[in-house]
């Protein structure tokens, strides 16, 4: 029996990095969150996810379908109806991505505050080197 390959996300050649690219994407988080509730059509997803372009939604859905996370079903009607839903594999992401979404929503004020402090510090003129250096004079004791 062949042993299961040991994947290492810290190895530059490891394909798990491709999965991280997919699931760490903001559009993936939002699409999975919407599809977790129910099967949806393309137009419904586009209306529900403010700011996503048609091109980005198409690219993200295709990538999720390719990775086995989303199923695309075409109904042969006039006009054709296309629906998207999570696969069983995609459903395993719901809890993880829900936690990430909730963390982002719950901590945005702290992140924005930290960004403001950082940006303000970067805009202040640098102190002269002499002002930052504390001179300590060591004296020797006579024995």
N, C-alpha and C. Protein backbone atom coordinates (compact mmCIF):
# COMPACT_ATOMS: atom_id res chain seq x y z
N UNK A 1 0.85 -1.17 0.00
CA UNK A 1 0.00 0.00 0.00
C UNK A 1 0.90 1.24 0.00
N UNK A 2 0.61 2.16 -0.91
CA UNK A 2 1.39 3.40 -1.01
C UNK A 2 1.04 4.33 0.13
N UNK A 3 2.06 5.00 0.65
CA UNK A 3 1.79 5.92 1.75
C UNK A 3 1.26 7.24 1.18
N UNK A 4 0.47 7.91 1.98
CA UNK A 4 -0.12 9.20 1.59
C UNK A 4 1.00 10.25 1.56
N UNK A 5 1.03 11.08 0.50
CA UNK A 5 2.10 12.10 0.45
C UNK A 5 1.95 13.09 1.60
N UNK A 6 3.07 13.51 2.11
CA UNK A 6 3.07 14.49 3.20
C UNK A 6 3.22 15.86 2.57
N UNK A 7 2.18 16.64 2.68
CA UNK A 7 2.18 17.97 2.10
C UNK A 7 2.74 18.97 3.10
N UNK A 8 3.43 19.98 2.58
CA UNK A 8 4.05 20.98 3.43
C UNK A 8 3.83 22.34 2.79
N UNK A 9 2.91 23.10 3.34
CA UNK A 9 2.56 24.40 2.78
C UNK A 9 3.75 25.38 2.79
N UNK A 10 4.76 25.12 3.59
CA UNK A 10 5.93 26.00 3.64
C UNK A 10 6.94 25.69 2.54
N UNK A 11 6.74 24.60 1.82
CA UNK A 11 7.58 24.25 0.67
C UNK A 11 7.06 25.00 -0.55
N UNK A 12 7.91 25.76 -1.21
CA UNK A 12 7.49 26.59 -2.35
C UNK A 12 6.87 25.77 -3.48
N UNK A 13 7.22 24.51 -3.59
CA UNK A 13 6.70 23.69 -4.69
C UNK A 13 5.44 22.90 -4.30
N UNK A 14 4.99 23.06 -3.09
CA UNK A 14 3.85 22.28 -2.61
C UNK A 14 2.54 22.81 -3.20
N UNK A 15 1.72 21.93 -3.78
CA UNK A 15 0.45 22.38 -4.37
C UNK A 15 -0.57 22.88 -3.36
N UNK A 16 -0.33 22.65 -2.08
CA UNK A 16 -1.28 23.18 -1.09
C UNK A 16 -1.31 24.70 -1.10
N UNK A 17 -0.26 25.32 -1.61
CA UNK A 17 -0.25 26.78 -1.71
C UNK A 17 -1.33 27.28 -2.67
N UNK A 18 -1.62 26.49 -3.70
CA UNK A 18 -2.68 26.86 -4.63
C UNK A 18 -4.03 26.87 -3.92
N UNK A 19 -4.22 25.93 -3.02
CA UNK A 19 -5.47 25.87 -2.24
C UNK A 19 -5.55 27.09 -1.32
N UNK A 20 -4.44 27.44 -0.69
CA UNK A 20 -4.43 28.63 0.17
C UNK A 20 -4.76 29.88 -0.62
N UNK A 21 -4.21 29.99 -1.82
CA UNK A 21 -4.53 31.14 -2.67
C UNK A 21 -6.04 31.22 -2.90
N UNK A 22 -6.64 30.10 -3.14
CA UNK A 22 -8.08 30.07 -3.43
C UNK A 22 -8.90 30.43 -2.19
N UNK A 23 -8.66 29.73 -1.08
CA UNK A 23 -9.54 29.91 0.08
C UNK A 23 -9.26 31.20 0.86
N UNK A 24 -8.07 31.78 0.68
CA UNK A 24 -7.75 33.03 1.39
C UNK A 24 -8.22 34.26 0.62
N UNK A 25 -8.81 34.07 -0.54
CA UNK A 25 -9.28 35.17 -1.37
C UNK A 25 -10.57 35.75 -0.81
N UNK A 26 -10.69 37.08 -0.78
CA UNK A 26 -11.88 37.71 -0.21
C UNK A 26 -13.14 37.33 -0.96
N UNK A 27 -13.06 37.20 -2.29
CA UNK A 27 -14.26 36.85 -3.06
C UNK A 27 -14.69 35.42 -2.76
N UNK A 28 -13.73 34.52 -2.56
CA UNK A 28 -14.07 33.14 -2.18
C UNK A 28 -14.82 33.11 -0.87
N UNK A 29 -14.34 33.88 0.11
CA UNK A 29 -15.00 33.91 1.42
C UNK A 29 -16.45 34.34 1.26
N UNK A 30 -16.68 35.38 0.47
CA UNK A 30 -18.05 35.89 0.31
C UNK A 30 -18.93 34.95 -0.50
N UNK A 31 -18.39 34.35 -1.55
CA UNK A 31 -19.18 33.42 -2.37
C UNK A 31 -19.55 32.19 -1.56
N UNK A 32 -18.59 31.62 -0.85
CA UNK A 32 -18.88 30.44 -0.03
C UNK A 32 -19.92 30.77 1.04
N UNK A 33 -19.81 31.94 1.65
CA UNK A 33 -20.79 32.34 2.67
C UNK A 33 -22.19 32.40 2.08
N UNK A 34 -22.33 32.94 0.89
CA UNK A 34 -23.66 33.03 0.25
C UNK A 34 -24.17 31.66 -0.16
N UNK A 35 -23.30 30.83 -0.74
CA UNK A 35 -23.74 29.51 -1.18
C UNK A 35 -23.96 28.55 -0.02
N UNK A 36 -23.43 28.88 1.15
CA UNK A 36 -23.67 28.03 2.32
C UNK A 36 -25.16 28.02 2.68
N UNK A 37 -25.83 29.13 2.39
CA UNK A 37 -27.25 29.25 2.74
C UNK A 37 -28.15 28.53 1.73
N UNK A 38 -27.77 28.62 0.44
CA UNK A 38 -28.63 28.01 -0.58
C UNK A 38 -27.96 28.06 -1.94
N UNK A 39 -28.51 27.30 -2.87
CA UNK A 39 -28.09 27.33 -4.27
C UNK A 39 -28.50 28.68 -4.85
N UNK A 40 -27.63 29.26 -5.66
CA UNK A 40 -27.92 30.59 -6.21
C UNK A 40 -27.54 30.67 -7.68
N UNK A 41 -28.19 31.57 -8.37
CA UNK A 41 -27.85 31.87 -9.75
C UNK A 41 -26.78 32.96 -9.79
N UNK A 42 -26.13 33.08 -10.93
CA UNK A 42 -25.04 34.05 -11.10
C UNK A 42 -25.50 35.46 -10.74
N UNK A 43 -26.63 35.88 -11.29
CA UNK A 43 -27.13 37.24 -11.05
C UNK A 43 -27.43 37.50 -9.59
N UNK A 44 -27.93 36.47 -8.89
CA UNK A 44 -28.21 36.62 -7.46
C UNK A 44 -26.91 36.84 -6.69
N UNK A 45 -25.89 36.07 -7.02
CA UNK A 45 -24.60 36.23 -6.36
C UNK A 45 -24.03 37.63 -6.63
N UNK A 46 -24.14 38.06 -7.86
CA UNK A 46 -23.59 39.38 -8.22
C UNK A 46 -24.30 40.49 -7.46
N UNK A 47 -25.62 40.39 -7.31
CA UNK A 47 -26.37 41.41 -6.56
C UNK A 47 -26.08 41.34 -5.07
N UNK A 48 -25.88 40.14 -4.55
CA UNK A 48 -25.64 39.96 -3.11
C UNK A 48 -24.25 40.38 -2.66
N UNK A 49 -23.27 40.30 -3.56
CA UNK A 49 -21.88 40.58 -3.19
C UNK A 49 -21.50 41.93 -3.79
N UNK A 50 -21.72 42.97 -3.03
CA UNK A 50 -21.46 44.33 -3.50
C UNK A 50 -19.99 44.50 -3.87
N UNK A 51 -19.76 45.11 -5.02
CA UNK A 51 -18.39 45.43 -5.44
C UNK A 51 -17.73 44.39 -6.32
N UNK A 52 -18.30 43.21 -6.44
CA UNK A 52 -17.66 42.20 -7.29
C UNK A 52 -18.09 42.45 -8.74
N UNK A 53 -17.11 42.41 -9.63
CA UNK A 53 -17.42 42.62 -11.05
C UNK A 53 -17.87 41.28 -11.66
N UNK A 54 -18.49 41.38 -12.80
CA UNK A 54 -18.93 40.18 -13.50
C UNK A 54 -17.73 39.29 -13.81
N UNK A 55 -16.63 39.93 -14.26
CA UNK A 55 -15.42 39.18 -14.60
C UNK A 55 -14.85 38.46 -13.38
N UNK A 56 -14.78 39.16 -12.25
CA UNK A 56 -14.21 38.55 -11.04
C UNK A 56 -15.09 37.42 -10.52
N UNK A 57 -16.41 37.62 -10.56
CA UNK A 57 -17.33 36.57 -10.12
C UNK A 57 -17.18 35.34 -11.01
N UNK A 58 -17.11 35.56 -12.31
CA UNK A 58 -16.94 34.44 -13.25
C UNK A 58 -15.64 33.70 -12.98
N UNK A 59 -14.53 34.44 -12.85
CA UNK A 59 -13.23 33.82 -12.60
C UNK A 59 -13.22 33.03 -11.29
N UNK A 60 -13.79 33.62 -10.25
CA UNK A 60 -13.78 32.97 -8.94
C UNK A 60 -14.65 31.72 -8.96
N UNK A 61 -15.82 31.81 -9.55
CA UNK A 61 -16.69 30.63 -9.63
C UNK A 61 -16.03 29.52 -10.44
N UNK A 62 -15.38 29.86 -11.54
CA UNK A 62 -14.69 28.84 -12.35
C UNK A 62 -13.57 28.17 -11.55
N UNK A 63 -12.81 28.98 -10.82
CA UNK A 63 -11.74 28.41 -10.00
C UNK A 63 -12.28 27.51 -8.91
N UNK A 64 -13.36 27.94 -8.27
CA UNK A 64 -13.97 27.12 -7.21
C UNK A 64 -14.54 25.82 -7.79
N UNK A 65 -15.10 25.90 -8.99
CA UNK A 65 -15.61 24.70 -9.66
C UNK A 65 -14.46 23.76 -10.01
N UNK A 66 -13.38 24.32 -10.54
CA UNK A 66 -12.21 23.52 -10.91
C UNK A 66 -11.62 22.80 -9.70
N UNK A 67 -11.63 23.49 -8.55
CA UNK A 67 -11.07 22.92 -7.33
C UNK A 67 -12.03 21.96 -6.63
N UNK A 68 -13.22 21.78 -7.19
CA UNK A 68 -14.18 20.85 -6.60
C UNK A 68 -14.94 21.41 -5.42
N UNK A 69 -14.96 22.72 -5.27
CA UNK A 69 -15.62 23.35 -4.13
C UNK A 69 -17.03 23.83 -4.45
N UNK A 70 -17.28 24.11 -5.73
CA UNK A 70 -18.59 24.59 -6.18
C UNK A 70 -19.04 23.73 -7.36
N UNK A 71 -20.34 23.43 -7.39
CA UNK A 71 -20.93 22.72 -8.52
C UNK A 71 -21.74 23.71 -9.35
N UNK A 72 -21.63 23.59 -10.64
CA UNK A 72 -22.37 24.43 -11.58
C UNK A 72 -23.35 23.53 -12.31
N UNK A 73 -24.62 23.87 -12.23
CA UNK A 73 -25.64 23.07 -12.91
C UNK A 73 -26.37 23.93 -13.93
N UNK A 74 -26.35 23.46 -15.17
CA UNK A 74 -27.04 24.16 -16.27
C UNK A 74 -28.36 23.44 -16.51
N UNK A 75 -29.44 24.19 -16.44
CA UNK A 75 -30.77 23.65 -16.73
C UNK A 75 -31.11 24.01 -18.17
N UNK A 76 -31.44 23.01 -18.96
CA UNK A 76 -31.72 23.24 -20.38
C UNK A 76 -33.12 23.79 -20.54
N UNK A 77 -33.21 25.08 -20.38
CA UNK A 77 -34.45 25.82 -20.53
C UNK A 77 -34.18 26.99 -21.46
N UNK A 78 -35.22 27.68 -21.85
CA UNK A 78 -35.04 28.89 -22.65
C UNK A 78 -35.60 30.05 -21.84
N UNK A 79 -34.77 31.00 -21.43
CA UNK A 79 -33.30 31.01 -21.54
C UNK A 79 -32.69 30.00 -20.56
N UNK A 80 -31.45 29.59 -20.83
CA UNK A 80 -30.79 28.62 -19.94
C UNK A 80 -30.68 29.18 -18.52
N UNK A 81 -30.83 28.31 -17.55
CA UNK A 81 -30.71 28.70 -16.15
C UNK A 81 -29.50 27.96 -15.58
N UNK A 82 -28.59 28.73 -14.98
CA UNK A 82 -27.37 28.15 -14.39
C UNK A 82 -27.41 28.44 -12.90
N UNK A 83 -27.18 27.39 -12.11
CA UNK A 83 -27.18 27.52 -10.65
C UNK A 83 -25.86 27.02 -10.08
N UNK A 84 -25.47 27.65 -8.98
CA UNK A 84 -24.24 27.28 -8.29
C UNK A 84 -24.56 26.84 -6.87
N UNK A 85 -23.86 25.80 -6.42
CA UNK A 85 -24.03 25.33 -5.05
C UNK A 85 -22.69 24.79 -4.56
N UNK A 86 -22.58 24.67 -3.25
CA UNK A 86 -21.36 24.09 -2.68
C UNK A 86 -21.39 22.58 -2.85
N UNK A 87 -20.25 22.02 -3.13
CA UNK A 87 -20.10 20.57 -3.13
C UNK A 87 -19.88 20.12 -1.68
N UNK A 88 -19.91 18.83 -1.40
CA UNK A 88 -19.59 18.39 -0.04
C UNK A 88 -18.20 18.88 0.41
N UNK A 89 -17.22 18.90 -0.50
CA UNK A 89 -15.90 19.42 -0.15
C UNK A 89 -15.97 20.91 0.15
N UNK A 90 -16.69 21.66 -0.66
CA UNK A 90 -16.85 23.09 -0.43
C UNK A 90 -17.54 23.38 0.89
N UNK A 91 -18.49 22.53 1.27
CA UNK A 91 -19.21 22.72 2.53
C UNK A 91 -18.28 22.59 3.73
N UNK A 92 -17.17 21.86 3.58
CA UNK A 92 -16.23 21.73 4.70
C UNK A 92 -15.53 23.05 5.01
N UNK A 93 -15.57 24.01 4.08
CA UNK A 93 -14.95 25.33 4.30
C UNK A 93 -15.85 26.29 5.05
N UNK A 94 -17.14 26.02 5.10
CA UNK A 94 -18.10 26.99 5.64
C UNK A 94 -17.74 27.44 7.04
N UNK A 95 -17.48 26.52 7.95
CA UNK A 95 -17.16 26.88 9.33
C UNK A 95 -15.90 27.72 9.44
N UNK A 96 -14.87 27.30 8.73
CA UNK A 96 -13.59 28.00 8.77
C UNK A 96 -13.74 29.42 8.22
N UNK A 97 -14.37 29.56 7.06
CA UNK A 97 -14.51 30.87 6.44
C UNK A 97 -15.50 31.75 7.19
N UNK A 98 -16.48 31.14 7.84
CA UNK A 98 -17.40 31.92 8.68
C UNK A 98 -16.64 32.55 9.84
N UNK A 99 -15.73 31.79 10.44
CA UNK A 99 -14.91 32.34 11.54
C UNK A 99 -14.04 33.49 11.04
N UNK A 100 -13.46 33.35 9.86
CA UNK A 100 -12.62 34.42 9.30
C UNK A 100 -13.47 35.66 9.05
N UNK A 101 -14.64 35.48 8.45
CA UNK A 101 -15.54 36.61 8.17
C UNK A 101 -15.94 37.29 9.47
N UNK A 102 -16.31 36.51 10.48
CA UNK A 102 -16.71 37.08 11.77
C UNK A 102 -15.55 37.78 12.46
N UNK A 103 -14.34 37.22 12.34
CA UNK A 103 -13.17 37.87 12.93
C UNK A 103 -12.97 39.24 12.27
N UNK A 104 -13.06 39.28 10.93
CA UNK A 104 -12.86 40.53 10.21
C UNK A 104 -13.90 41.57 10.63
N UNK A 105 -15.15 41.17 10.74
CA UNK A 105 -16.21 42.08 11.14
C UNK A 105 -16.06 42.53 12.59
N UNK A 106 -15.60 41.64 13.44
CA UNK A 106 -15.47 41.95 14.87
C UNK A 106 -14.23 42.74 15.23
N UNK A 107 -13.24 42.75 14.36
CA UNK A 107 -11.97 43.40 14.68
C UNK A 107 -11.60 44.55 13.76
N UNK A 108 -12.51 44.94 12.89
CA UNK A 108 -12.18 45.97 11.92
C UNK A 108 -11.82 47.30 12.57
N UNK A 109 -12.50 47.68 13.66
CA UNK A 109 -12.15 48.95 14.30
C UNK A 109 -10.72 48.95 14.82
N UNK A 110 -10.30 47.85 15.43
CA UNK A 110 -8.94 47.76 15.95
C UNK A 110 -7.92 47.80 14.81
N UNK A 111 -8.23 47.14 13.71
CA UNK A 111 -7.32 47.15 12.56
C UNK A 111 -7.22 48.55 11.96
N UNK A 112 -8.36 49.21 11.79
CA UNK A 112 -8.34 50.58 11.25
C UNK A 112 -7.58 51.54 12.16
N UNK A 113 -7.76 51.37 13.48
CA UNK A 113 -7.05 52.20 14.45
C UNK A 113 -5.53 51.96 14.33
N UNK A 114 -5.13 50.71 14.25
CA UNK A 114 -3.70 50.38 14.12
C UNK A 114 -3.13 50.95 12.82
N UNK A 115 -3.91 50.90 11.74
CA UNK A 115 -3.45 51.46 10.47
C UNK A 115 -3.26 52.97 10.57
N UNK A 116 -4.21 53.65 11.24
CA UNK A 116 -4.08 55.11 11.41
C UNK A 116 -2.82 55.46 12.20
N UNK A 117 -2.60 54.75 13.31
CA UNK A 117 -1.41 55.01 14.14
C UNK A 117 -0.14 54.79 13.32
N UNK A 118 -0.10 53.70 12.59
CA UNK A 118 1.07 53.39 11.77
C UNK A 118 1.30 54.47 10.71
N UNK A 119 0.22 54.81 9.98
CA UNK A 119 0.33 55.80 8.90
C UNK A 119 0.76 57.16 9.44
N UNK A 120 0.24 57.56 10.59
CA UNK A 120 0.64 58.84 11.19
C UNK A 120 2.12 58.82 11.58
N UNK A 121 2.57 57.70 12.11
CA UNK A 121 3.98 57.58 12.51
C UNK A 121 4.89 57.64 11.28
N UNK A 122 4.44 57.11 10.16
CA UNK A 122 5.24 57.12 8.94
C UNK A 122 5.33 58.52 8.34
N UNK A 123 4.33 59.36 8.61
CA UNK A 123 4.31 60.71 8.03
C UNK A 123 5.07 61.73 8.86
N UNK A 124 5.34 61.42 10.13
CA UNK A 124 6.10 62.33 10.98
C UNK A 124 7.54 62.40 10.51
N UNK A 125 8.13 63.61 10.58
CA UNK A 125 9.55 63.70 10.20
C UNK A 125 10.39 62.87 11.18
N UNK A 126 11.41 62.27 10.65
CA UNK A 126 12.29 61.44 11.48
C UNK A 126 13.06 62.31 12.46
N UNK A 127 13.24 61.78 13.66
CA UNK A 127 14.03 62.50 14.66
C UNK A 127 15.50 62.44 14.25
N UNK A 128 16.23 63.50 14.55
CA UNK A 128 17.67 63.42 14.28
C UNK A 128 18.29 62.27 15.07
N UNK A 129 19.31 61.68 14.53
CA UNK A 129 19.94 60.53 15.17
C UNK A 129 20.39 60.84 16.58
N UNK A 130 20.89 62.05 16.81
CA UNK A 130 21.38 62.42 18.14
C UNK A 130 20.27 62.40 19.17
N UNK A 131 19.06 62.70 18.77
CA UNK A 131 17.94 62.73 19.72
C UNK A 131 17.53 61.31 20.12
N UNK A 132 17.86 60.33 19.29
CA UNK A 132 17.46 58.96 19.58
C UNK A 132 18.53 58.18 20.35
N UNK A 133 19.72 58.71 20.37
CA UNK A 133 20.83 57.99 21.00
C UNK A 133 21.03 58.51 22.41
N UNK A 134 21.02 57.61 23.34
CA UNK A 134 21.28 57.99 24.72
C UNK A 134 22.74 57.63 25.00
N UNK A 135 23.50 58.63 25.43
CA UNK A 135 24.92 58.40 25.70
C UNK A 135 25.06 57.97 27.16
N UNK A 136 25.73 56.86 27.32
CA UNK A 136 25.98 56.36 28.67
C UNK A 136 27.49 56.35 28.85
N UNK A 137 27.94 57.06 29.87
CA UNK A 137 29.37 57.15 30.11
C UNK A 137 29.71 56.16 31.22
N UNK A 138 30.61 55.29 30.90
CA UNK A 138 31.05 54.31 31.87
C UNK A 138 32.31 54.83 32.55
N UNK A 139 32.31 54.74 33.81
CA UNK A 139 33.51 55.15 34.55
C UNK A 139 34.13 53.91 35.16
N UNK A 140 35.43 53.93 35.23
CA UNK A 140 36.10 52.79 35.84
C UNK A 140 36.36 53.09 37.29
N UNK A 141 36.26 52.07 38.06
CA UNK A 141 36.52 52.24 39.50
C UNK A 141 37.96 51.86 39.79
N UNK A 142 38.52 52.64 40.60
CA UNK A 142 39.88 52.30 41.02
C UNK A 142 39.78 51.19 42.07
N UNK A 143 40.60 50.22 41.89
CA UNK A 143 40.54 49.09 42.82
C UNK A 143 41.31 49.35 44.07
